[in-house]
Amino acid sequence: MGLAGVLLAPYWIVQGLRQGKYLANLRERLWLSAPILRNSSGEGGKAIWIHAVSVGEVLSSVTLARRLKQKYPGRPLVVSTTTITGQAIARERIAFADAIVYFPLDWAFCVRRALRAVDPEIVLIVETEIWPNFLRECARCRIPVILVSGRISDRSNRRYKRYFALFGFFLKPFLRNTLSHFGALSMQTEQDAERIKALGAPPDRVRVGGNLKYDLEIPGDTPIAAWLGEEAQKTGRRPIIVAGSVVATEEPLALIAFGVLQGEYPKALLVLAPRKPERFEAAAEFIEESHRNFVRRSELPVPKPGAQAAWNGEARIPEGVSVLLLDSIGELASLYRLADGVFVGGSLVPSGGHNILEPAAFGKIPVFGESMENFAEMSRRFLEAGAAVQVSSPEDAGVTWIELLRNPERARAMGDAARRLVEENRGATNRAVESADGLLGSRAAAKG
């Protein structure tokens, strides 16, 4: 890890100076300052630590965090993320946590500082974050670590196989040792379970627990969603298309798809939501290049969630504006409720796709491209159930929205199927809480 740090330092410095990605939170990730836990009396015991690397993992862990806080109100709840956007979402959605921190860099001295400061009784890692030094230090301190909603994507599996072919003599025993430090590994599917066992995880600790993402909390109304719903009703700005989690170079593709729809629905409005804040300016440039008028969400006098700003409700979408650029964090999910058509980004370019469950939970039909490797099992289920549409080009996405708008009965049936799939696959949170209960109970008995 020391060698990796030296080799990657130039990249971190350049990216940090250009985009502020790594330098902004470097002090926190080195754990040079410890967080102040709001619930620090120690009356309920040591902390429960949940690690959710970025936005998707944070959103999927909200229900889990709430359930654990309700079950163990006396224990401090600490939530960590790796990314800046994940940190922002965690502070908004898991505000009831006693501390929201950055996960330490995987050097032993950083990890030891973090463990001393948090003093966890148990650590739950969402999806598949395998940090050797962190796991080793937890084992040394006899702190159980649970992997919940774990997965090994097709892309990661191919990468592991390639590395095994080249460095298997070292990598296989190294991974076997590292994975042995998990107290339990709860995987999303049978395939994920077999893959983690093939990497060296102890078979007796691996189980299939389902996908936490299905247990998402459906977001309530936000000021921007309430305003946009009223504005659309007053001005007849329909249909509303929400293109969410759009990644780099995918913005012009979303605009092409919207252009196909505009040919038949000239009063349509596109809500374009880039996945990462550093893409806000690039997205604005792409919209300008498409010769469309647009308004930034940040320019609207509509208060952001939790803000106390005064607002008289008089914001308007100017005539001729066809795109709302959602240059904010944490508001996308609530806007899916208003959507007449949805596009889930990261899928028309080779990026692996993004979560389709947020629109599906509102009964909206996810439309996505061919790159869904990170959500292969989920997208397969939806396609087989007739609850989603996969397209091979932006033009196909535009045509799909038109066909669904022309056939509201078909759209309603598909939307109902999407919502039903979300409801039928809930339960991973219960199983994760049971795993935590088991380990916490056994530790309490041992101490007794």
Protein backbone atom coordinates (compact mmCIF):
# COMPACT_ATOMS: atom_id res chain seq x y z
CA MET A 1 0.00 0.00 0.00
CA GLY A 2 2.94 2.31 0.66
CA LEU A 3 4.34 1.64 -2.81
CA ALA A 4 0.90 2.19 -4.34
CA GLY A 5 0.65 5.51 -2.54
CA VAL A 6 4.01 6.66 -3.94
CA LEU A 7 3.15 5.55 -7.49
CA LEU A 8 -0.31 7.13 -7.45
CA ALA A 9 0.72 10.37 -5.73
CA PRO A 10 1.26 12.33 -9.00
CA TYR A 11 -2.21 11.31 -10.24
CA TRP A 12 -3.82 12.27 -6.92
CA ILE A 13 -2.08 15.64 -6.90
CA VAL A 14 -3.04 16.49 -10.50
CA GLN A 15 -6.68 15.41 -10.02
CA GLY A 16 -6.81 17.17 -6.68
CA LEU A 17 -5.60 20.46 -8.17
CA ARG A 18 -7.88 20.14 -11.22
CA GLN A 19 -11.08 18.89 -9.57
CA GLY A 20 -10.52 18.97 -5.82
CA LYS A 21 -11.31 15.26 -5.63
CA TYR A 22 -8.59 13.94 -3.34
CA LEU A 23 -6.91 16.87 -1.62
CA ALA A 24 -10.15 18.29 -0.20
CA ASN A 25 -10.63 15.41 2.22
CA LEU A 26 -7.04 14.19 2.57
CA ARG A 27 -6.72 15.31 6.19
CA GLU A 28 -9.91 13.44 7.12
CA ARG A 29 -8.84 10.29 5.27
CA LEU A 30 -5.48 10.34 7.06
CA TRP A 31 -7.48 10.67 10.28
CA LEU A 32 -5.35 13.51 11.57
CA SER A 33 -8.41 14.72 13.48
CA ALA A 34 -10.98 12.52 15.19
CA PRO A 35 -14.75 13.07 14.91
CA ILE A 36 -16.78 14.14 17.91
CA LEU A 37 -19.46 11.52 18.50
CA ARG A 38 -22.76 13.07 19.54
CA ASN A 39 -23.67 9.93 21.50
CA SER A 40 -20.39 9.62 23.36
CA SER A 41 -21.60 8.72 26.84
CA GLY A 42 -20.75 5.06 26.30
CA GLU A 43 -23.88 3.98 28.21
CA GLY A 44 -25.07 1.75 25.37
CA GLY A 45 -21.70 0.28 24.51
CA LYS A 46 -19.26 0.72 21.68
CA ALA A 47 -20.12 2.10 18.24
CA ILE A 48 -21.70 0.46 15.21
CA TRP A 49 -19.78 1.47 12.08
CA ILE A 50 -21.35 1.29 8.61
CA HIS A 51 -19.14 1.92 5.58
CA ALA A 52 -20.83 2.88 2.29
CA VAL A 53 -18.32 3.95 -0.33
CA SER A 54 -20.38 6.32 -2.52
CA VAL A 55 -23.86 7.55 -3.44
CA GLY A 56 -25.40 4.22 -4.43
CA GLU A 57 -24.15 2.40 -1.36
CA VAL A 58 -25.23 5.24 0.94
CA LEU A 59 -28.75 5.24 -0.47
CA SER A 60 -29.03 1.47 -0.10
CA SER A 61 -27.85 1.60 3.52
CA VAL A 62 -30.27 4.25 4.81
CA THR A 63 -32.87 1.72 5.98
CA LEU A 64 -30.18 -0.50 7.51
CA ALA A 65 -28.69 2.44 9.42
CA ARG A 66 -32.10 3.50 10.69
CA ARG A 67 -32.99 -0.02 11.83
CA LEU A 68 -29.71 -0.45 13.71
CA LYS A 69 -30.05 2.97 15.37
CA GLN A 70 -33.58 2.12 16.48
CA LYS A 71 -32.52 -1.29 17.79
CA TYR A 72 -29.39 -0.01 19.57
CA PRO A 73 -30.21 3.62 20.47
CA GLY A 74 -27.51 3.76 23.13
CA ARG A 75 -24.69 2.82 20.75
CA PRO A 76 -23.06 5.55 18.65
CA LEU A 77 -23.76 5.04 14.95
CA VAL A 78 -20.88 6.02 12.66
CA VAL A 79 -21.25 6.11 8.87
CA SER A 80 -18.23 6.44 6.58
CA THR A 81 -17.93 7.12 2.87
CA THR A 82 -15.05 7.41 0.42
CA THR A 83 -16.37 9.97 -2.06
CA ILE A 84 -17.33 13.61 -1.55
CA THR A 85 -20.76 13.05 -3.14
CA GLY A 86 -21.33 10.03 -0.91
CA GLN A 87 -20.48 12.19 2.11
CA ALA A 88 -23.01 14.84 1.06
CA ILE A 89 -25.79 12.27 0.58
CA ALA A 90 -24.97 10.58 3.90
CA ARG A 91 -25.20 13.89 5.75
CA GLU A 92 -28.61 14.51 4.19
CA ARG A 93 -30.17 11.01 4.31
CA ILE A 94 -28.52 9.61 7.48
CA ALA A 95 -28.53 12.78 9.55
CA PHE A 96 -29.53 10.70 12.59
CA ALA A 97 -26.05 9.12 12.69
CA ASP A 98 -23.79 10.21 15.54
CA ALA A 99 -20.92 10.88 13.14
CA ILE A 100 -20.44 10.85 9.37
CA VAL A 101 -16.78 10.50 8.44
CA TYR A 102 -14.42 9.59 5.63
CA PHE A 103 -13.12 6.03 5.50
CA PRO A 104 -9.39 5.94 6.32
CA LEU A 105 -6.79 5.39 3.64
CA ASP A 106 -5.74 1.75 3.88
CA TRP A 107 -2.45 2.33 5.63
CA ALA A 108 -2.05 0.76 9.05
CA PHE A 109 -1.35 4.03 10.88
CA CYS A 110 -4.51 5.65 9.41
CA VAL A 111 -6.65 2.62 10.20
CA ARG A 112 -5.39 2.40 13.80
CA ARG A 113 -6.21 6.06 14.38
CA ALA A 114 -9.71 5.52 12.99
CA LEU A 115 -10.36 2.43 15.10
CA ARG A 116 -9.15 4.16 18.25
CA ALA A 117 -11.38 7.18 17.58
CA VAL A 118 -14.55 5.29 16.60
CA ASP A 119 -14.03 2.32 18.95
CA PRO A 120 -16.49 0.08 17.07
CA GLU A 121 -18.11 -3.05 18.46
CA ILE A 122 -18.89 -4.14 14.89
CA VAL A 123 -18.30 -2.91 11.32
CA LEU A 124 -20.70 -3.44 8.41
CA ILE A 125 -19.30 -2.87 4.92
CA VAL A 126 -21.88 -2.34 2.17
CA GLU A 127 -21.29 -4.12 -1.15
CA THR A 128 -17.70 -5.17 -1.84
CA GLU A 129 -14.97 -3.07 -0.27
CA ILE A 130 -11.97 -5.28 0.51
CA TRP A 131 -9.28 -3.28 2.32
CA PRO A 132 -6.53 -5.62 3.61
CA ASN A 133 -5.04 -3.39 6.30
CA PHE A 134 -8.43 -2.35 7.64
CA LEU A 135 -9.58 -5.97 7.86
CA ARG A 136 -6.29 -7.07 9.42
CA GLU A 137 -6.40 -4.33 12.08
CA CYS A 138 -10.03 -5.13 12.89
CA ALA A 139 -9.08 -8.79 13.33
CA ARG A 140 -6.16 -7.78 15.56
CA CYS A 141 -8.55 -5.77 17.74
CA ARG A 142 -11.13 -8.59 17.59
CA ILE A 143 -13.72 -6.35 15.92
CA PRO A 144 -16.07 -8.41 13.72
CA VAL A 145 -16.62 -7.15 10.18
CA ILE A 146 -19.69 -8.12 8.13
CA LEU A 147 -19.93 -7.71 4.37
CA VAL A 148 -23.58 -6.96 3.52
CA SER A 149 -25.19 -6.90 0.09
CA GLY A 150 -21.87 -8.09 -1.31
CA ARG A 151 -21.39 -8.57 -5.02
CA ILE A 152 -18.70 -9.48 -7.54
CA SER A 153 -19.65 -7.97 -10.90
CA ASP A 154 -18.90 -9.67 -14.22
CA ARG A 155 -16.21 -7.07 -14.88
CA SER A 156 -14.57 -7.58 -11.47
CA ASN A 157 -14.76 -11.34 -11.84
CA ARG A 158 -12.97 -11.21 -15.19
CA ARG A 159 -10.36 -8.91 -13.69
CA TYR A 160 -9.72 -11.27 -10.76
CA LYS A 161 -9.34 -14.22 -13.14
CA ARG A 162 -6.83 -12.26 -15.22
CA TYR A 163 -4.85 -11.29 -12.11
CA PHE A 164 -4.96 -14.88 -10.84
CA ALA A 165 -3.51 -16.10 -14.14
CA LEU A 166 -0.58 -13.69 -13.77
CA PHE A 167 -0.03 -13.45 -10.01
CA GLY A 168 -1.99 -16.35 -8.57
CA PHE A 169 1.01 -17.67 -6.62
CA PHE A 170 0.83 -14.53 -4.47
CA LEU A 171 -2.69 -13.21 -4.93
CA LYS A 172 -4.63 -16.38 -4.03
CA PRO A 173 -3.13 -16.88 -0.54
CA PHE A 174 -3.18 -13.11 0.03
CA LEU A 175 -6.91 -12.85 -0.75
CA ARG A 176 -7.69 -16.02 1.20
CA ASN A 177 -6.01 -14.52 4.25
CA THR A 178 -7.68 -11.13 3.78
CA LEU A 179 -11.19 -12.56 3.32
CA SER A 180 -10.75 -14.77 6.38
CA HIS A 181 -10.95 -11.61 8.50
CA PHE A 182 -14.65 -11.16 7.66
CA GLY A 183 -16.93 -12.51 10.36
CA ALA A 184 -19.71 -13.03 7.80
CA LEU A 185 -20.20 -12.38 4.08
CA SER A 186 -23.80 -11.81 2.99
CA MET A 187 -23.90 -11.75 -0.81
CA GLN A 188 -26.63 -10.51 -3.13
CA THR A 189 -27.06 -13.68 -5.22
CA GLU A 190 -25.95 -17.30 -5.42
CA GLN A 191 -23.56 -16.32 -8.21
CA ASP A 192 -21.97 -13.65 -6.02
CA ALA A 193 -21.65 -16.19 -3.21
CA GLU A 194 -19.87 -18.68 -5.47
CA ARG A 195 -17.56 -15.99 -6.80
CA ILE A 196 -16.49 -14.74 -3.35
CA LYS A 197 -15.84 -18.34 -2.28
CA ALA A 198 -13.72 -18.85 -5.41
CA LEU A 199 -11.65 -15.84 -4.30
CA GLY A 200 -10.91 -17.59 -1.03
CA ALA A 201 -13.68 -16.59 1.37
CA PRO A 202 -14.40 -19.23 4.06
CA PRO A 203 -17.45 -21.15 2.71
CA ASP A 204 -19.02 -21.50 6.17
CA ARG A 205 -19.22 -17.70 6.52
CA VAL A 206 -20.79 -17.01 3.10
CA ARG A 207 -24.55 -16.77 2.68
CA VAL A 208 -27.03 -15.24 0.23
CA GLY A 209 -28.75 -12.29 1.89
CA GLY A 210 -30.19 -10.32 -1.03
CA ASN A 211 -29.64 -6.78 -2.24
CA LEU A 212 -30.03 -3.87 0.19
CA LYS A 213 -30.94 -1.59 -2.71
CA TYR A 214 -34.41 -3.17 -2.86
CA ASP A 215 -35.04 -1.92 0.69
CA LEU A 216 -34.62 1.70 -0.32
CA GLU A 217 -36.68 4.31 1.46
CA ILE A 218 -38.92 6.03 -1.06
CA PRO A 219 -37.96 9.70 -0.80
CA GLY A 220 -40.56 12.23 0.23
CA ASP A 221 -41.35 15.42 -1.60
CA THR A 222 -38.63 18.03 -1.91
CA PRO A 223 -39.01 21.76 -2.61
CA ILE A 224 -37.75 21.32 -6.18
CA ALA A 225 -40.14 18.40 -6.87
CA ALA A 226 -43.13 20.24 -5.40
CA TRP A 227 -42.30 23.34 -7.41
CA LEU A 228 -41.73 21.48 -10.68
CA GLY A 229 -44.99 19.54 -10.30
CA GLU A 230 -46.95 22.78 -9.85
CA GLU A 231 -45.06 24.52 -12.65
CA ALA A 232 -45.74 21.68 -15.09
CA GLN A 233 -49.43 21.71 -14.22
CA LYS A 234 -49.75 25.47 -14.67
CA THR A 235 -47.81 25.71 -17.93
CA GLY A 236 -48.55 22.33 -19.52
CA ARG A 237 -44.84 21.43 -19.61
CA ARG A 238 -45.28 17.76 -20.39
CA PRO A 239 -43.95 15.16 -20.81
CA ILE A 240 -41.18 15.44 -18.21
CA ILE A 241 -38.18 13.23 -18.95
CA VAL A 242 -35.71 12.56 -16.14
CA ALA A 243 -32.23 11.45 -17.24
CA GLY A 244 -30.53 10.49 -13.99
CA SER A 245 -26.97 9.54 -13.04
CA VAL A 246 -25.65 10.54 -16.47
CA VAL A 247 -21.88 10.01 -16.69
CA ALA A 248 -19.07 11.66 -18.63
CA THR A 249 -19.63 11.83 -22.43
CA GLU A 250 -23.17 10.50 -21.98
CA GLU A 251 -24.74 13.95 -21.67
CA PRO A 252 -24.93 14.55 -25.47
CA LEU A 253 -26.48 11.09 -25.91
CA ALA A 254 -29.24 11.96 -23.43
CA LEU A 255 -29.81 15.19 -25.37
CA ILE A 256 -30.06 13.26 -28.64
CA ALA A 257 -32.66 10.94 -27.12
CA PHE A 258 -34.61 13.93 -25.86
CA GLY A 259 -34.42 15.54 -29.30
CA VAL A 260 -36.19 12.52 -30.82
CA LEU A 261 -39.01 12.98 -28.30
CA GLN A 262 -39.21 16.73 -28.90
CA GLY A 263 -40.11 16.11 -32.52
CA GLU A 264 -43.49 14.82 -31.36
CA TYR A 265 -43.77 16.63 -28.00
CA PRO A 266 -42.39 20.17 -28.44
CA LYS A 267 -43.41 21.23 -24.89
CA ALA A 268 -41.39 18.40 -23.30
CA LEU A 269 -38.96 19.20 -20.50
CA LEU A 270 -35.73 17.31 -19.82
CA VAL A 271 -34.30 17.10 -16.30
CA LEU A 272 -30.64 16.28 -16.87
CA ALA A 273 -28.86 15.04 -13.73
CA PRO A 274 -25.11 14.39 -14.03
CA ARG A 275 -23.78 11.67 -11.75
CA LYS A 276 -20.91 13.72 -10.33
CA PRO A 277 -20.64 17.42 -9.45
CA GLU A 278 -17.48 17.82 -11.52
CA ARG A 279 -19.64 17.17 -14.62
CA PHE A 280 -22.05 20.06 -14.01
CA GLU A 281 -20.10 22.56 -16.12
CA ALA A 282 -19.39 20.07 -18.90
CA ALA A 283 -23.09 19.18 -19.04
CA ALA A 284 -23.97 22.87 -19.33
CA GLU A 285 -21.56 23.20 -22.26
CA PHE A 286 -23.11 20.21 -24.03
CA ILE A 287 -26.60 21.72 -23.62
CA GLU A 288 -25.39 25.02 -25.08
CA GLU A 289 -23.80 23.19 -28.01
CA SER A 290 -27.15 21.50 -28.70
CA HIS A 291 -28.64 25.03 -29.14
CA ARG A 292 -31.18 24.53 -26.38
CA ASN A 293 -32.13 27.01 -23.71
CA PHE A 294 -31.71 25.70 -20.20
CA VAL A 295 -31.89 26.72 -16.58
CA ARG A 296 -29.67 25.51 -13.76
CA ARG A 297 -31.32 24.24 -10.63
CA SER A 298 -28.78 26.33 -8.65
CA GLU A 299 -30.18 29.48 -10.30
CA LEU A 300 -33.75 28.82 -9.19
CA PRO A 301 -34.86 30.54 -5.98
CA VAL A 302 -36.32 27.24 -4.79
CA PRO A 303 -34.69 26.31 -1.45
CA LYS A 304 -32.62 23.15 -1.20
CA PRO A 305 -33.70 20.34 1.18
CA GLY A 306 -33.22 21.41 4.80
CA ALA A 307 -32.57 25.05 3.88
CA GLN A 308 -34.42 27.77 5.75
CA ALA A 309 -34.34 30.22 2.87
CA ALA A 310 -37.46 32.34 2.35
CA TRP A 311 -39.29 31.73 -0.90
CA ASN A 312 -42.45 33.28 -2.28
CA GLY A 313 -43.16 30.44 -4.72
CA GLU A 314 -42.86 32.70 -7.78
CA ALA A 315 -40.08 30.84 -9.65
CA ARG A 316 -40.92 30.16 -13.30
CA ILE A 317 -39.40 28.21 -16.17
CA PRO A 318 -38.87 30.82 -18.89
CA GLU A 319 -40.64 30.23 -22.19
CA GLY A 320 -38.34 28.44 -24.60
CA VAL A 321 -36.37 26.61 -21.90
CA SER A 322 -36.43 22.87 -22.56
CA VAL A 323 -33.76 21.57 -20.15
CA LEU A 324 -33.45 21.80 -16.38
CA LEU A 325 -29.85 21.03 -15.39
CA LEU A 326 -29.96 19.44 -11.94
CA ASP A 327 -26.64 20.76 -10.63
CA SER A 328 -27.35 19.67 -7.06
CA ILE A 329 -26.89 16.61 -4.86
CA GLY A 330 -29.67 14.60 -3.23
CA GLU A 331 -32.69 15.82 -5.21
CA LEU A 332 -32.80 13.42 -8.15
CA ALA A 333 -34.76 10.61 -6.47
CA SER A 334 -37.72 12.85 -5.59
CA LEU A 335 -38.01 14.03 -9.20
CA TYR A 336 -38.57 10.51 -10.52
CA ARG A 337 -42.07 10.78 -9.03
CA LEU A 338 -42.93 13.40 -11.68
CA ALA A 339 -41.35 11.62 -14.65
CA ASP A 340 -43.30 10.61 -17.74
CA GLY A 341 -40.13 8.97 -19.06
CA VAL A 342 -36.89 7.87 -17.41
CA PHE A 343 -33.36 7.21 -18.55
CA VAL A 344 -30.86 5.63 -16.14
CA GLY A 345 -27.36 6.78 -16.98
CA GLY A 346 -24.00 5.06 -17.09
CA SER A 347 -25.49 2.61 -19.56
CA LEU A 348 -25.17 4.10 -23.06
CA VAL A 349 -21.40 4.29 -22.58
CA PRO A 350 -19.22 1.50 -21.13
CA SER A 351 -19.62 2.51 -17.49
CA GLY A 352 -21.50 -0.47 -16.00
CA GLY A 353 -24.86 1.20 -15.42
CA HIS A 354 -26.55 2.59 -12.33
CA ASN A 355 -29.37 1.75 -9.95
CA ILE A 356 -32.77 1.37 -11.64
CA LEU A 357 -34.74 0.89 -8.42
CA GLU A 358 -35.41 4.53 -7.53
CA PRO A 359 -37.61 5.20 -10.59
CA ALA A 360 -39.06 1.67 -10.36
CA ALA A 361 -40.20 2.27 -6.77
CA PHE A 362 -42.41 5.09 -8.11
CA GLY A 363 -43.82 2.83 -10.81
CA LYS A 364 -41.71 4.47 -13.53
CA ILE A 365 -40.25 2.34 -16.34
CA PRO A 366 -36.43 2.35 -16.33
CA VAL A 367 -34.97 2.80 -19.82
CA PHE A 368 -31.26 2.04 -20.01
CA GLY A 369 -28.50 1.15 -22.45
CA GLU A 370 -26.51 -2.02 -22.99
CA SER A 371 -23.79 -1.38 -20.38
CA MET A 372 -25.40 -2.70 -17.17
CA GLU A 373 -22.61 -4.99 -15.93
CA ASN A 374 -22.77 -3.58 -12.41
CA PHE A 375 -26.48 -4.34 -12.23
CA ALA A 376 -26.63 -7.39 -14.46
CA GLU A 377 -28.86 -9.55 -12.24
CA MET A 378 -31.21 -6.69 -11.41
CA SER A 379 -31.59 -5.52 -15.01
CA ARG A 380 -32.16 -9.11 -16.17
CA ARG A 381 -35.00 -9.54 -13.67
CA PHE A 382 -36.68 -6.33 -14.80
CA LEU A 383 -36.37 -7.14 -18.48
CA GLU A 384 -37.74 -10.66 -18.02
CA ALA A 385 -40.70 -9.25 -16.08
CA GLY A 386 -41.46 -6.67 -18.77
CA ALA A 387 -40.71 -3.92 -16.26
CA ALA A 388 -37.88 -2.12 -18.09
CA VAL A 389 -36.62 -1.41 -21.60
CA GLN A 390 -33.04 -1.82 -22.79
CA VAL A 391 -31.94 0.18 -25.83
CA SER A 392 -28.83 0.17 -27.99
CA SER A 393 -28.77 3.86 -28.96
CA PRO A 394 -30.05 7.25 -27.81
CA GLU A 395 -32.44 7.32 -30.76
CA ASP A 396 -33.96 4.06 -29.52
CA ALA A 397 -34.46 5.63 -26.09
CA GLY A 398 -36.36 8.55 -27.62
CA VAL A 399 -38.55 6.22 -29.69
CA THR A 400 -39.23 4.10 -26.58
CA TRP A 401 -40.51 7.12 -24.63
CA ILE A 402 -42.79 8.06 -27.55
CA GLU A 403 -44.20 4.52 -27.80
CA LEU A 404 -44.90 4.37 -24.06
CA LEU A 405 -46.58 7.80 -24.10
CA ARG A 406 -48.75 6.69 -27.01
CA ASN A 407 -49.79 3.55 -25.16
CA PRO A 408 -50.61 4.57 -21.55
CA GLU A 409 -52.15 1.20 -20.68
CA ARG A 410 -48.96 -0.64 -21.57
CA ALA A 411 -46.90 1.95 -19.71
CA ARG A 412 -49.10 1.59 -16.62
CA ALA A 413 -48.77 -2.22 -16.67
CA MET A 414 -44.99 -2.02 -17.02
CA GLY A 415 -44.75 0.57 -14.26
CA ASP A 416 -46.84 -1.61 -11.94
CA ALA A 417 -44.56 -4.57 -12.71
CA ALA A 418 -41.51 -2.45 -11.86
CA ARG A 419 -42.98 -1.36 -8.53
CA ARG A 420 -44.01 -4.94 -7.73
CA LEU A 421 -40.47 -6.23 -8.34
CA VAL A 422 -39.10 -3.73 -5.84
CA GLU A 423 -41.62 -4.79 -3.20
CA GLU A 424 -41.16 -8.54 -3.76
CA ASN A 425 -37.38 -8.41 -3.34
CA ARG A 426 -37.24 -6.49 -0.08
CA GLY A 427 -35.79 -8.20 2.99
CA ALA A 428 -32.00 -7.88 2.76
CA THR A 429 -32.03 -5.32 5.57
CA ASN A 430 -33.73 -7.76 7.95
CA ARG A 431 -31.12 -10.40 7.19
CA ALA A 432 -28.26 -7.90 7.68
CA VAL A 433 -29.68 -6.83 11.05
CA GLU A 434 -29.99 -10.50 12.06
CA SER A 435 -26.30 -11.05 11.19
CA ALA A 436 -25.30 -8.02 13.24
CA ASP A 437 -27.50 -9.21 16.13
CA GLY A 438 -25.85 -12.61 16.06
CA LEU A 439 -22.32 -11.25 16.24
CA LEU A 440 -23.20 -8.59 18.82
CA GLY A 441 -24.99 -11.20 20.92
CA SER A 442 -22.10 -13.66 20.79
CA ARG A 443 -19.64 -10.91 21.79
CA ALA A 444 -21.87 -9.85 24.69
CA ALA A 445 -22.09 -13.47 25.87
CA ALA A 446 -18.31 -13.87 25.63
CA LYS A 447 -17.77 -10.71 27.68
CA GLY A 448 -20.35 -11.88 30.21
